[in-house]
């Protein structure tokens, strides 16, 4: 397996995730993201309209949480490439199969520990 190819895939994925995260919210001072409500959120006279706004906001938060977790996983894999531990399960210390890493370059555990 070519580590440079894996690194390129991970960097591309990280860039795409950051674009998606930036579209959903803003970065905080710790490098995380948070969702900002739309300007007119919660200002509707009709409670049903406000409920729809809240539901939409909660969906954005849930999506942001998923994307942020993926971003963290990709960042961990890139750090593992830099420190020479890429392809080693962070739970068991066993080698992660090449097939798994080719299918999911950001994997930091074997399938058994996923």
N, C-alpha and C. Protein backbone atom coordinates (compact mmCIF):
# COMPACT_ATOMS: atom_id res chain seq x y z
N UNK A 1 0.84 -1.17 0.00
CA UNK A 1 0.00 0.00 0.00
C UNK A 1 0.90 1.25 0.00
N UNK A 2 0.50 2.21 -0.80
CA UNK A 2 1.27 3.43 -0.93
C UNK A 2 0.76 4.46 0.10
N UNK A 3 1.58 4.76 1.08
CA UNK A 3 1.21 5.70 2.15
C UNK A 3 0.94 7.10 1.59
N UNK A 4 1.70 7.50 0.57
CA UNK A 4 1.49 8.83 -0.01
C UNK A 4 0.09 8.92 -0.64
N UNK A 5 -0.36 7.85 -1.27
CA UNK A 5 -1.72 7.83 -1.84
C UNK A 5 -2.76 7.93 -0.73
N UNK A 6 -2.54 7.19 0.35
CA UNK A 6 -3.47 7.24 1.48
C UNK A 6 -3.52 8.64 2.08
N UNK A 7 -2.35 9.25 2.22
CA UNK A 7 -2.29 10.60 2.77
C UNK A 7 -3.04 11.58 1.86
N UNK A 8 -2.86 11.45 0.55
CA UNK A 8 -3.56 12.33 -0.38
C UNK A 8 -5.07 12.16 -0.28
N UNK A 9 -5.53 10.92 -0.14
CA UNK A 9 -6.97 10.66 0.02
C UNK A 9 -7.48 11.30 1.31
N UNK A 10 -6.72 11.15 2.37
CA UNK A 10 -7.13 11.70 3.67
C UNK A 10 -7.14 13.23 3.64
N UNK A 11 -6.16 13.84 3.02
CA UNK A 11 -6.13 15.30 2.94
C UNK A 11 -7.30 15.83 2.12
N UNK A 12 -7.64 15.12 1.05
CA UNK A 12 -8.79 15.52 0.23
C UNK A 12 -10.08 15.39 1.04
N UNK A 13 -10.21 14.26 1.75
CA UNK A 13 -11.41 14.05 2.58
C UNK A 13 -11.50 15.12 3.68
N UNK A 14 -10.37 15.46 4.29
CA UNK A 14 -10.37 16.47 5.35
C UNK A 14 -10.82 17.82 4.80
N UNK A 15 -10.33 18.17 3.62
CA UNK A 15 -10.71 19.43 3.00
C UNK A 15 -12.21 19.46 2.71
N UNK A 16 -12.75 18.37 2.18
CA UNK A 16 -14.18 18.29 1.88
C UNK A 16 -15.02 18.37 3.16
N UNK A 17 -14.57 17.68 4.20
CA UNK A 17 -15.28 17.73 5.48
C UNK A 17 -15.28 19.15 6.05
N UNK A 18 -14.15 19.83 5.96
CA UNK A 18 -14.07 21.19 6.49
C UNK A 18 -14.99 22.14 5.72
N UNK A 19 -15.09 21.95 4.41
CA UNK A 19 -16.02 22.77 3.63
C UNK A 19 -17.46 22.51 4.07
N UNK A 20 -17.81 21.23 4.24
CA UNK A 20 -19.17 20.89 4.69
C UNK A 20 -19.44 21.45 6.08
N UNK A 21 -18.47 21.33 6.97
CA UNK A 21 -18.63 21.85 8.33
C UNK A 21 -18.76 23.37 8.33
N UNK A 22 -17.97 24.03 7.50
CA UNK A 22 -18.05 25.49 7.42
C UNK A 22 -19.40 25.94 6.86
N UNK A 23 -20.00 25.13 6.00
CA UNK A 23 -21.33 25.45 5.46
C UNK A 23 -22.42 25.30 6.52
N UNK A 24 -22.20 24.41 7.48
CA UNK A 24 -23.19 24.19 8.53
C UNK A 24 -23.03 25.12 9.72
N UNK A 25 -21.81 25.55 9.98
CA UNK A 25 -21.59 26.34 11.18
C UNK A 25 -20.32 27.14 11.12
N UNK A 26 -19.84 27.48 12.29
CA UNK A 26 -18.62 28.28 12.44
C UNK A 26 -17.65 27.54 13.35
N UNK A 27 -16.37 27.86 13.19
CA UNK A 27 -15.34 27.27 14.07
C UNK A 27 -15.25 28.07 15.35
N UNK A 28 -15.04 27.33 16.44
CA UNK A 28 -14.82 28.01 17.71
C UNK A 28 -13.32 28.16 17.95
N UNK A 29 -12.96 28.75 19.08
CA UNK A 29 -11.55 29.01 19.37
C UNK A 29 -10.73 27.73 19.60
N UNK A 30 -11.42 26.60 19.84
CA UNK A 30 -10.72 25.33 20.05
C UNK A 30 -10.61 24.51 18.77
N UNK A 31 -11.09 25.06 17.65
CA UNK A 31 -11.01 24.34 16.38
C UNK A 31 -12.21 23.47 16.08
N UNK A 32 -13.19 23.45 16.99
CA UNK A 32 -14.42 22.70 16.74
C UNK A 32 -15.42 23.57 16.00
N UNK A 33 -16.56 23.01 15.70
CA UNK A 33 -17.59 23.75 14.99
C UNK A 33 -18.87 23.80 15.81
N UNK A 34 -19.68 24.82 15.56
CA UNK A 34 -21.00 24.92 16.17
C UNK A 34 -21.96 25.50 15.13
N UNK A 35 -23.23 25.12 15.24
CA UNK A 35 -24.25 25.59 14.31
C UNK A 35 -24.75 26.94 14.78
N UNK A 36 -24.91 27.83 13.83
CA UNK A 36 -25.48 29.14 14.11
C UNK A 36 -26.90 29.15 13.55
N UNK A 37 -27.88 29.50 14.35
CA UNK A 37 -29.25 29.55 13.84
C UNK A 37 -29.37 30.59 12.73
N UNK A 38 -30.30 30.35 11.81
CA UNK A 38 -30.58 31.34 10.79
C UNK A 38 -31.13 32.59 11.46
N UNK A 39 -31.02 33.72 10.78
CA UNK A 39 -31.39 35.00 11.37
C UNK A 39 -32.82 35.04 11.88
N UNK A 40 -33.75 34.43 11.15
CA UNK A 40 -35.16 34.51 11.54
C UNK A 40 -35.62 33.29 12.34
N UNK A 41 -34.70 32.46 12.79
CA UNK A 41 -35.07 31.27 13.56
C UNK A 41 -35.77 31.66 14.86
N UNK A 42 -36.93 31.08 15.09
CA UNK A 42 -37.65 31.27 16.34
C UNK A 42 -38.43 32.55 16.43
N UNK A 43 -38.55 33.28 15.32
CA UNK A 43 -39.25 34.56 15.38
C UNK A 43 -40.60 34.53 14.67
N UNK A 44 -41.08 33.35 14.35
CA UNK A 44 -42.36 33.23 13.64
C UNK A 44 -43.52 33.33 14.64
N UNK A 45 -44.59 33.92 14.17
CA UNK A 45 -45.78 34.05 15.03
C UNK A 45 -46.46 32.69 15.24
N UNK A 46 -46.37 31.84 14.25
CA UNK A 46 -47.02 30.53 14.33
C UNK A 46 -46.10 29.54 15.04
N UNK A 47 -46.57 28.93 16.13
CA UNK A 47 -45.74 27.96 16.86
C UNK A 47 -45.32 26.77 16.01
N UNK A 48 -46.12 26.41 15.04
CA UNK A 48 -45.76 25.28 14.16
C UNK A 48 -44.57 25.66 13.30
N UNK A 49 -44.56 26.90 12.82
CA UNK A 49 -43.40 27.36 12.06
C UNK A 49 -42.14 27.35 12.92
N UNK A 50 -42.27 27.78 14.16
CA UNK A 50 -41.12 27.75 15.07
C UNK A 50 -40.67 26.33 15.35
N UNK A 51 -41.62 25.40 15.46
CA UNK A 51 -41.26 23.99 15.67
C UNK A 51 -40.49 23.45 14.48
N UNK A 52 -40.89 23.85 13.27
CA UNK A 52 -40.15 23.43 12.07
C UNK A 52 -38.73 23.98 12.09
N UNK A 53 -38.58 25.21 12.56
CA UNK A 53 -37.26 25.83 12.65
C UNK A 53 -36.38 25.06 13.64
N UNK A 54 -36.96 24.71 14.78
CA UNK A 54 -36.21 23.97 15.80
C UNK A 54 -35.81 22.60 15.25
N UNK A 55 -36.72 21.94 14.56
CA UNK A 55 -36.41 20.62 13.99
C UNK A 55 -35.28 20.72 12.97
N UNK A 56 -35.32 21.75 12.13
CA UNK A 56 -34.27 21.96 11.14
C UNK A 56 -32.93 22.21 11.84
N UNK A 57 -32.94 23.02 12.88
CA UNK A 57 -31.72 23.32 13.63
C UNK A 57 -31.15 22.05 14.26
N UNK A 58 -32.01 21.22 14.85
CA UNK A 58 -31.55 19.97 15.46
C UNK A 58 -30.95 19.03 14.42
N UNK A 59 -31.53 19.01 13.22
CA UNK A 59 -30.96 18.19 12.14
C UNK A 59 -29.57 18.70 11.74
N UNK A 60 -29.42 20.02 11.70
CA UNK A 60 -28.11 20.59 11.39
C UNK A 60 -27.08 20.22 12.46
N UNK A 61 -27.48 20.27 13.71
CA UNK A 61 -26.58 19.92 14.81
C UNK A 61 -26.17 18.45 14.70
N UNK A 62 -27.13 17.59 14.42
CA UNK A 62 -26.83 16.16 14.29
C UNK A 62 -25.86 15.92 13.13
N UNK A 63 -26.12 16.55 12.00
CA UNK A 63 -25.24 16.39 10.83
C UNK A 63 -23.84 16.93 11.15
N UNK A 64 -23.77 18.08 11.81
CA UNK A 64 -22.49 18.65 12.18
C UNK A 64 -21.72 17.69 13.09
N UNK A 65 -22.41 17.06 14.03
CA UNK A 65 -21.74 16.13 14.95
C UNK A 65 -21.15 14.94 14.19
N UNK A 66 -21.87 14.43 13.20
CA UNK A 66 -21.37 13.31 12.39
C UNK A 66 -20.14 13.75 11.60
N UNK A 67 -20.24 14.90 10.95
CA UNK A 67 -19.12 15.40 10.15
C UNK A 67 -17.90 15.70 11.03
N UNK A 68 -18.14 16.24 12.21
CA UNK A 68 -17.02 16.55 13.10
C UNK A 68 -16.34 15.27 13.58
N UNK A 69 -17.10 14.23 13.84
CA UNK A 69 -16.51 12.94 14.23
C UNK A 69 -15.68 12.37 13.09
N UNK A 70 -16.17 12.49 11.86
CA UNK A 70 -15.40 12.03 10.71
C UNK A 70 -14.12 12.84 10.56
N UNK A 71 -14.22 14.14 10.78
CA UNK A 71 -13.05 15.02 10.69
C UNK A 71 -11.99 14.62 11.73
N UNK A 72 -12.44 14.33 12.93
CA UNK A 72 -11.53 13.89 13.99
C UNK A 72 -10.83 12.60 13.60
N UNK A 73 -11.58 11.67 13.02
CA UNK A 73 -11.02 10.38 12.61
C UNK A 73 -9.98 10.57 11.51
N UNK A 74 -10.28 11.41 10.54
CA UNK A 74 -9.33 11.69 9.46
C UNK A 74 -8.07 12.36 10.03
N UNK A 75 -8.24 13.29 10.93
CA UNK A 75 -7.09 13.97 11.54
C UNK A 75 -6.22 12.99 12.32
N UNK A 76 -6.85 12.04 13.02
CA UNK A 76 -6.09 11.02 13.75
C UNK A 76 -5.29 10.15 12.79
N UNK A 77 -5.90 9.80 11.66
CA UNK A 77 -5.20 8.97 10.68
C UNK A 77 -4.02 9.73 10.07
N UNK A 78 -4.22 11.01 9.78
CA UNK A 78 -3.11 11.81 9.25
C UNK A 78 -1.98 11.93 10.28
N UNK A 79 -2.33 12.10 11.54
CA UNK A 79 -1.31 12.16 12.59
C UNK A 79 -0.57 10.83 12.68
N UNK A 80 -1.28 9.74 12.51
CA UNK A 80 -0.64 8.41 12.55
C UNK A 80 0.34 8.24 11.39
N UNK A 81 0.01 8.79 10.24
CA UNK A 81 0.95 8.75 9.11
C UNK A 81 2.21 9.51 9.48
N UNK A 82 2.03 10.68 10.07
CA UNK A 82 3.18 11.52 10.43
C UNK A 82 4.07 10.88 11.50
N UNK A 83 3.45 10.17 12.46
CA UNK A 83 4.26 9.60 13.54
C UNK A 83 4.65 8.14 13.30
N UNK A 84 4.29 7.61 12.12
CA UNK A 84 4.72 6.27 11.75
C UNK A 84 3.86 5.14 12.29
N UNK A 85 2.70 5.46 12.86
CA UNK A 85 1.85 4.40 13.40
C UNK A 85 0.62 4.11 12.54
N UNK A 86 0.59 4.65 11.32
CA UNK A 86 -0.56 4.42 10.44
C UNK A 86 -0.68 2.92 10.12
N UNK A 87 -1.89 2.44 10.21
CA UNK A 87 -2.14 1.03 9.91
C UNK A 87 -2.05 0.13 11.13
N UNK A 88 -1.83 0.73 12.30
CA UNK A 88 -1.76 -0.04 13.55
C UNK A 88 -3.01 0.29 14.37
N UNK A 89 -3.73 -0.72 14.82
CA UNK A 89 -4.95 -0.54 15.59
C UNK A 89 -4.62 0.17 16.89
N UNK A 90 -5.34 1.26 17.17
CA UNK A 90 -5.08 2.02 18.39
C UNK A 90 -5.62 1.33 19.63
N UNK A 91 -6.39 0.24 19.47
CA UNK A 91 -6.91 -0.51 20.61
C UNK A 91 -6.01 -1.70 20.92
N UNK A 92 -5.75 -2.51 19.89
CA UNK A 92 -5.02 -3.76 20.13
C UNK A 92 -3.55 -3.72 19.77
N UNK A 93 -3.16 -2.74 18.96
CA UNK A 93 -1.78 -2.68 18.50
C UNK A 93 -1.51 -3.61 17.33
N UNK A 94 -2.55 -4.30 16.85
CA UNK A 94 -2.40 -5.20 15.70
C UNK A 94 -2.42 -4.40 14.41
N UNK A 95 -1.92 -5.03 13.36
CA UNK A 95 -1.92 -4.39 12.05
C UNK A 95 -3.34 -4.38 11.48
N UNK A 96 -3.76 -3.23 10.95
CA UNK A 96 -5.06 -3.10 10.29
C UNK A 96 -4.88 -3.62 8.86
N UNK A 97 -5.84 -4.41 8.40
CA UNK A 97 -5.70 -5.02 7.08
C UNK A 97 -5.63 -3.95 5.99
N UNK A 98 -4.84 -4.26 4.97
CA UNK A 98 -4.70 -3.34 3.85
C UNK A 98 -6.05 -3.10 3.17
N UNK A 99 -6.86 -4.14 3.08
CA UNK A 99 -8.18 -4.00 2.46
C UNK A 99 -9.03 -2.98 3.21
N UNK A 100 -8.98 -3.02 4.54
CA UNK A 100 -9.74 -2.06 5.34
C UNK A 100 -9.23 -0.64 5.12
N UNK A 101 -7.91 -0.48 5.11
CA UNK A 101 -7.35 0.86 4.93
C UNK A 101 -7.60 1.40 3.52
N UNK A 102 -7.61 0.53 2.53
CA UNK A 102 -7.92 0.99 1.18
C UNK A 102 -9.38 1.40 1.06
N UNK A 103 -10.25 0.67 1.75
CA UNK A 103 -11.68 0.99 1.73
C UNK A 103 -11.99 2.20 2.60
N UNK A 104 -11.27 2.33 3.72
CA UNK A 104 -11.51 3.42 4.66
C UNK A 104 -10.15 3.92 5.16
N UNK A 105 -9.54 4.85 4.43
CA UNK A 105 -8.20 5.33 4.80
C UNK A 105 -8.11 5.92 6.20
N UNK A 106 -9.24 6.35 6.77
CA UNK A 106 -9.19 6.96 8.10
C UNK A 106 -9.37 5.95 9.23
N UNK A 107 -9.43 4.68 8.91
CA UNK A 107 -9.58 3.65 9.95
C UNK A 107 -8.38 3.68 10.88
N UNK A 108 -8.67 3.70 12.18
CA UNK A 108 -7.59 3.67 13.17
C UNK A 108 -7.69 2.42 14.05
N UNK A 109 -8.64 1.55 13.71
CA UNK A 109 -8.79 0.28 14.43
C UNK A 109 -9.06 -0.84 13.44
N UNK A 110 -8.81 -2.06 13.88
CA UNK A 110 -9.20 -3.22 13.09
C UNK A 110 -10.73 -3.30 13.10
N UNK A 111 -11.27 -4.12 12.23
CA UNK A 111 -12.73 -4.29 12.17
C UNK A 111 -13.26 -4.78 13.53
N UNK A 112 -12.52 -5.65 14.18
CA UNK A 112 -12.94 -6.20 15.46
C UNK A 112 -13.09 -5.13 16.53
N UNK A 113 -12.34 -4.05 16.41
CA UNK A 113 -12.38 -2.99 17.43
C UNK A 113 -13.09 -1.72 16.96
N UNK A 114 -13.71 -1.81 15.81
CA UNK A 114 -14.42 -0.63 15.26
C UNK A 114 -15.66 -0.31 16.07
